[in-house]
Protein backbone atom coordinates (compact mmCIF):
# COMPACT_ATOMS: atom_id res chain seq x y z
CA UNK A 1 -5.40 -47.76 2.69
CA UNK A 2 -7.13 -46.04 -0.25
CA UNK A 3 -5.38 -43.34 -2.28
CA UNK A 4 -7.75 -40.75 -0.74
CA UNK A 5 -6.95 -41.89 2.80
CA UNK A 6 -3.25 -41.83 1.92
CA UNK A 7 -3.59 -38.24 0.72
CA UNK A 8 -5.38 -37.24 3.94
CA UNK A 9 -2.61 -38.86 5.99
CA UNK A 10 0.03 -37.03 3.98
CA UNK A 11 -1.61 -33.64 4.56
CA UNK A 12 -2.05 -34.41 8.28
CA UNK A 13 1.65 -35.21 8.55
CA UNK A 14 2.58 -32.00 6.73
CA UNK A 15 0.37 -29.89 9.02
CA UNK A 16 1.78 -31.58 12.11
CA UNK A 17 5.28 -30.76 10.89
CA UNK A 18 4.30 -27.13 10.25
CA UNK A 19 2.73 -26.71 13.70
CA UNK A 20 5.41 -28.50 15.69
CA UNK A 21 7.24 -26.04 17.97
CA UNK A 22 10.68 -27.37 17.03
CA UNK A 23 10.16 -26.97 13.27
CA UNK A 24 12.27 -24.08 11.92
CA UNK A 25 10.10 -21.25 10.64
CA UNK A 26 11.25 -21.51 7.01
CA UNK A 27 10.36 -25.22 7.00
CA UNK A 28 7.01 -24.47 8.63
CA UNK A 29 6.20 -21.96 5.89
CA UNK A 30 7.04 -24.48 3.18
CA UNK A 31 5.03 -27.21 4.88
CA UNK A 32 1.96 -24.99 5.27
CA UNK A 33 2.21 -23.96 1.64
CA UNK A 34 2.45 -27.54 0.43
CA UNK A 35 -0.56 -28.49 2.53
CA UNK A 36 -2.49 -25.67 0.85
CA UNK A 37 -1.54 -26.82 -2.62
CA UNK A 38 -2.80 -30.32 -1.92
CA UNK A 39 -6.02 -29.06 -0.33
CA UNK A 40 -6.70 -26.66 -3.19
CA UNK A 41 -5.90 -29.14 -5.94
CA UNK A 42 -7.84 -32.07 -4.46
CA UNK A 43 -10.52 -30.05 -2.61
CA UNK A 44 -9.77 -31.82 0.65
CA UNK A 45 -12.13 -31.57 3.60
CA UNK A 46 -10.82 -30.08 6.87
CA UNK A 47 -12.45 -32.75 9.00
CA UNK A 48 -11.09 -35.56 6.88
CA UNK A 49 -7.62 -34.02 6.93
CA UNK A 50 -7.76 -33.69 10.71
CA UNK A 51 -8.98 -37.27 11.03
CA UNK A 52 -12.18 -36.28 12.85
CA UNK A 53 -14.77 -37.45 10.34
CA UNK A 54 -15.44 -38.06 6.68
CA UNK A 55 -16.48 -35.42 4.17
CA UNK A 56 -20.12 -34.35 4.14
CA UNK A 57 -22.20 -32.24 1.78
CA UNK A 58 -21.81 -29.13 3.93
CA UNK A 59 -18.13 -28.85 2.98
CA UNK A 60 -19.22 -27.36 -0.35
CA UNK A 61 -21.88 -25.01 1.01
CA UNK A 62 -20.95 -21.33 1.18
CA UNK A 63 -20.46 -20.15 4.74
CA UNK A 64 -18.62 -17.33 6.48
CA UNK A 65 -15.67 -17.08 8.83
CA UNK A 66 -14.61 -14.13 10.99
CA UNK A 67 -10.90 -13.33 11.27
CA UNK A 68 -9.95 -11.04 14.17
CA UNK A 69 -6.50 -9.65 13.49
CA UNK A 70 -4.54 -8.12 16.37
CA UNK A 71 -1.05 -6.81 16.87
CA UNK A 72 1.40 -4.97 14.59
CA UNK A 73 0.37 -4.17 11.00
CA UNK A 74 -3.17 -5.42 11.59
CA UNK A 75 -4.65 -3.15 8.90
CA UNK A 76 -2.08 -4.30 6.32
CA UNK A 77 -2.54 -7.91 7.37
CA UNK A 78 -6.28 -7.45 6.85
CA UNK A 79 -5.54 -6.24 3.33
CA UNK A 80 -3.36 -9.31 2.83
CA UNK A 81 -6.23 -11.60 3.80
CA UNK A 82 -8.63 -9.73 1.49
CA UNK A 83 -6.14 -10.01 -1.38
CA UNK A 84 -5.54 -13.72 -0.84
CA UNK A 85 -9.25 -14.51 -0.52
CA UNK A 86 -9.82 -13.45 -4.12
CA UNK A 87 -7.31 -16.01 -5.40
CA UNK A 88 -8.72 -18.83 -3.24
CA UNK A 89 -12.35 -18.90 -4.46
CA UNK A 90 -13.39 -16.75 -1.48
CA UNK A 91 -14.51 -13.16 -0.98
CA UNK A 92 -13.93 -10.99 2.07
CA UNK A 93 -14.57 -7.55 3.52
CA UNK A 94 -13.51 -5.55 6.56
CA UNK A 95 -16.20 -5.03 9.17
CA UNK A 96 -16.07 -1.25 9.59
CA UNK A 97 -18.77 -1.36 12.29
CA UNK A 98 -16.22 -2.85 14.69
CA UNK A 99 -15.21 -0.03 17.04
CA UNK A 100 -12.27 -1.73 18.77
CA UNK A 101 -9.28 0.20 17.44
CA UNK A 102 -6.81 -2.50 18.54
CA UNK A 103 -8.35 -5.10 16.20
CA UNK A 104 -9.24 -5.48 12.53
CA UNK A 105 -12.21 -7.73 11.86
CA UNK A 106 -12.37 -9.41 8.45
CA UNK A 107 -15.33 -11.51 7.30
CA UNK A 108 -14.65 -14.08 4.57
CA UNK A 109 -17.15 -16.10 2.55
CA UNK A 110 -16.50 -19.38 0.79
CA UNK A 111 -16.94 -23.11 1.11
CA UNK A 112 -15.65 -24.69 4.31
CA UNK A 113 -12.79 -26.21 2.32
CA UNK A 114 -11.81 -22.92 0.70
CA UNK A 115 -11.98 -21.03 4.00
CA UNK A 116 -9.74 -23.68 5.56
CA UNK A 117 -7.25 -23.19 2.72
CA UNK A 118 -7.45 -19.40 3.14
CA UNK A 119 -6.76 -19.57 6.88
CA UNK A 120 -3.88 -22.01 6.44
CA UNK A 121 -2.18 -20.05 3.67
CA UNK A 122 -2.79 -16.67 5.30
CA UNK A 123 -0.93 -17.84 8.40
CA UNK A 124 2.04 -18.86 6.27
CA UNK A 125 2.02 -15.53 4.38
CA UNK A 126 1.88 -13.57 7.65
CA UNK A 127 4.94 -15.40 8.95
CA UNK A 128 6.86 -14.69 5.75
CA UNK A 129 5.93 -10.99 5.82
CA UNK A 130 7.01 -10.46 9.43
CA UNK A 131 10.31 -12.22 8.75
CA UNK A 132 11.22 -10.37 5.56
CA UNK A 133 9.98 -6.79 6.07
CA UNK A 134 12.92 -4.39 6.36
CA UNK A 135 13.08 -1.45 8.74
CA UNK A 136 11.62 1.85 7.60
CA UNK A 137 9.23 4.68 8.40
CA UNK A 138 5.44 4.49 8.07
CA UNK A 139 5.44 5.53 4.40
CA UNK A 140 8.04 2.90 3.58
CA UNK A 141 6.18 0.14 5.44
CA UNK A 142 2.85 1.02 3.83
CA UNK A 143 4.35 0.84 0.36
CA UNK A 144 6.15 -2.39 1.25
CA UNK A 145 2.92 -4.05 2.40
CA UNK A 146 1.07 -3.01 -0.76
CA UNK A 147 3.85 -4.46 -2.89
CA UNK A 148 3.89 -7.61 -0.76
CA UNK A 149 0.12 -8.15 -1.13
CA UNK A 150 0.31 -7.76 -4.89
CA UNK A 151 3.33 -10.06 -5.07
CA UNK A 152 1.48 -12.73 -3.10
CA UNK A 153 -1.59 -12.39 -5.34
CA UNK A 154 0.50 -12.73 -8.48
CA UNK A 155 2.27 -15.83 -7.15
CA UNK A 156 -0.99 -17.51 -6.12
CA UNK A 157 -2.56 -16.72 -9.48
CA UNK A 158 0.41 -18.38 -11.18
CA UNK A 159 0.05 -21.43 -8.95
CA UNK A 160 -3.67 -21.63 -9.70
CA UNK A 161 -2.91 -21.64 -13.42
CA UNK A 162 -0.59 -24.59 -12.84
CA UNK A 163 -3.29 -26.42 -10.87
CA UNK A 164 -5.82 -25.77 -13.65
CA UNK A 165 -3.38 -27.06 -16.26
CA UNK A 166 -2.59 -30.18 -14.25
CA UNK A 167 -6.24 -30.98 -13.48
CA UNK A 168 -8.60 -30.53 -16.46
CA UNK A 169 -11.99 -29.11 -15.50
CA UNK A 170 -10.91 -27.67 -12.16
CA UNK A 171 -10.77 -24.13 -13.56
CA UNK A 172 -14.52 -23.93 -14.08
CA UNK A 173 -15.09 -25.40 -10.62
CA UNK A 174 -12.91 -22.74 -8.97
CA UNK A 175 -14.68 -19.93 -10.83
CA UNK A 176 -18.11 -21.31 -9.86
CA UNK A 177 -17.10 -21.57 -6.19
CA UNK A 178 -15.80 -18.01 -6.21
CA UNK A 179 -19.00 -16.67 -7.76
CA UNK A 180 -21.17 -18.47 -5.20
CA UNK A 181 -19.07 -16.95 -2.41
CA UNK A 182 -19.41 -13.46 -3.91
CA UNK A 183 -23.19 -13.75 -4.27
CA UNK A 184 -23.59 -15.02 -0.70
CA UNK A 185 -21.47 -12.18 0.68
CA UNK A 186 -23.54 -9.56 -1.17
CA UNK A 187 -26.82 -11.17 -0.13
CA UNK A 188 -25.72 -11.29 3.51
CA UNK A 189 -24.32 -7.75 3.63
CA UNK A 190 -26.21 -5.61 1.10
CA UNK A 191 -24.81 -2.41 2.63
CA UNK A 192 -21.31 -3.18 1.37
CA UNK A 193 -19.65 -0.62 -0.87
CA UNK A 194 -16.16 -0.20 -2.22
CA UNK A 195 -13.80 2.12 -0.38
CA UNK A 196 -10.62 3.48 -1.90
CA UNK A 197 -7.61 4.68 0.03
CA UNK A 198 -4.65 6.84 -0.85
CA UNK A 199 -1.05 6.51 0.21
CA UNK A 200 2.33 7.96 -0.58
CA UNK A 201 4.07 5.38 -2.70
CA UNK A 202 7.72 4.57 -2.14
CA UNK A 203 8.83 2.73 -5.29
CA UNK A 204 11.82 1.13 -3.60
CA UNK A 205 9.71 -0.15 -0.71
CA UNK A 206 6.94 -1.33 -3.05
CA UNK A 207 9.48 -3.23 -5.15
CA UNK A 208 11.03 -4.85 -2.08
CA UNK A 209 7.61 -5.94 -0.85
CA UNK A 210 6.59 -7.25 -4.26
CA UNK A 211 9.77 -9.33 -4.50
CA UNK A 212 9.19 -10.75 -1.01
CA UNK A 213 5.61 -11.69 -1.88
CA UNK A 214 6.71 -13.25 -5.15
CA UNK A 215 9.05 -15.56 -3.21
CA UNK A 216 6.13 -17.13 -1.39
CA UNK A 217 5.86 -20.82 -2.25
CA UNK A 218 2.37 -22.20 -2.63
CA UNK A 219 3.87 -25.67 -2.42
CA UNK A 220 4.90 -26.38 -5.99
CA UNK A 221 8.44 -27.22 -4.95
CA UNK A 222 7.19 -29.13 -1.95
CA UNK A 223 8.85 -30.15 1.27
CA UNK A 224 12.40 -31.14 0.51
CA UNK A 225 13.23 -28.01 -1.45
CA UNK A 226 13.46 -26.22 1.92
CA UNK A 227 13.87 -22.86 0.29
CA UNK A 228 15.23 -20.51 2.92
CA UNK A 229 13.81 -17.00 3.11
CA UNK A 230 16.12 -14.27 4.38
CA UNK A 231 15.13 -13.02 7.82
CA UNK A 232 14.20 -9.38 8.27
CA UNK A 233 13.62 -6.97 11.13
CA UNK A 234 10.16 -6.62 12.70
CA UNK A 235 9.13 -3.04 13.44
CA UNK A 236 6.03 -1.70 15.14
């Protein structure tokens, strides 16, 4: 078995562990995060990782993926995806033309590999958020989510700096992929414009969320560290 095939097999095994119903949630989070780190560092192809087929040229072409987010905190979870996309060589926006008030539709642009990494890591970050968010009113939860998103972004940026340091030349590649994704998103949706929002900040809630986001492991410690994250209460 070649080193590349061995790496694919390793990631497949990690993903199987993360998705197995008997795997404790904390271990699943760590496994998903480690899978991301390997995919991001070595630019692994989703099909190759899944064992379906070998890499092809289309894995580096910019494409789009629609994320339909339902359930509690869907607006904040949409913000989380948008925040994470920026650190993963992708760009995303919320489709405000969607009239279904029970869903938030996010559209992300990036290479197939980067979108696969975004989806995988977003799922892990969602699980961590819903397990660690403390009880509180709407103002508290809003501030907590904003802190959490910024904590996640900071942690992923730190991990990316480590990846760049470990793998010379990868930094320029990541920047180039991100810029291609941005240009494709703008070309496909020229009506896009920035929208700002206001909220009442709760410093205590923001700090708690930021600390929770900063705990997120993008896989540097790997499976085996099994860092346990304190469970929290899930509110609507």
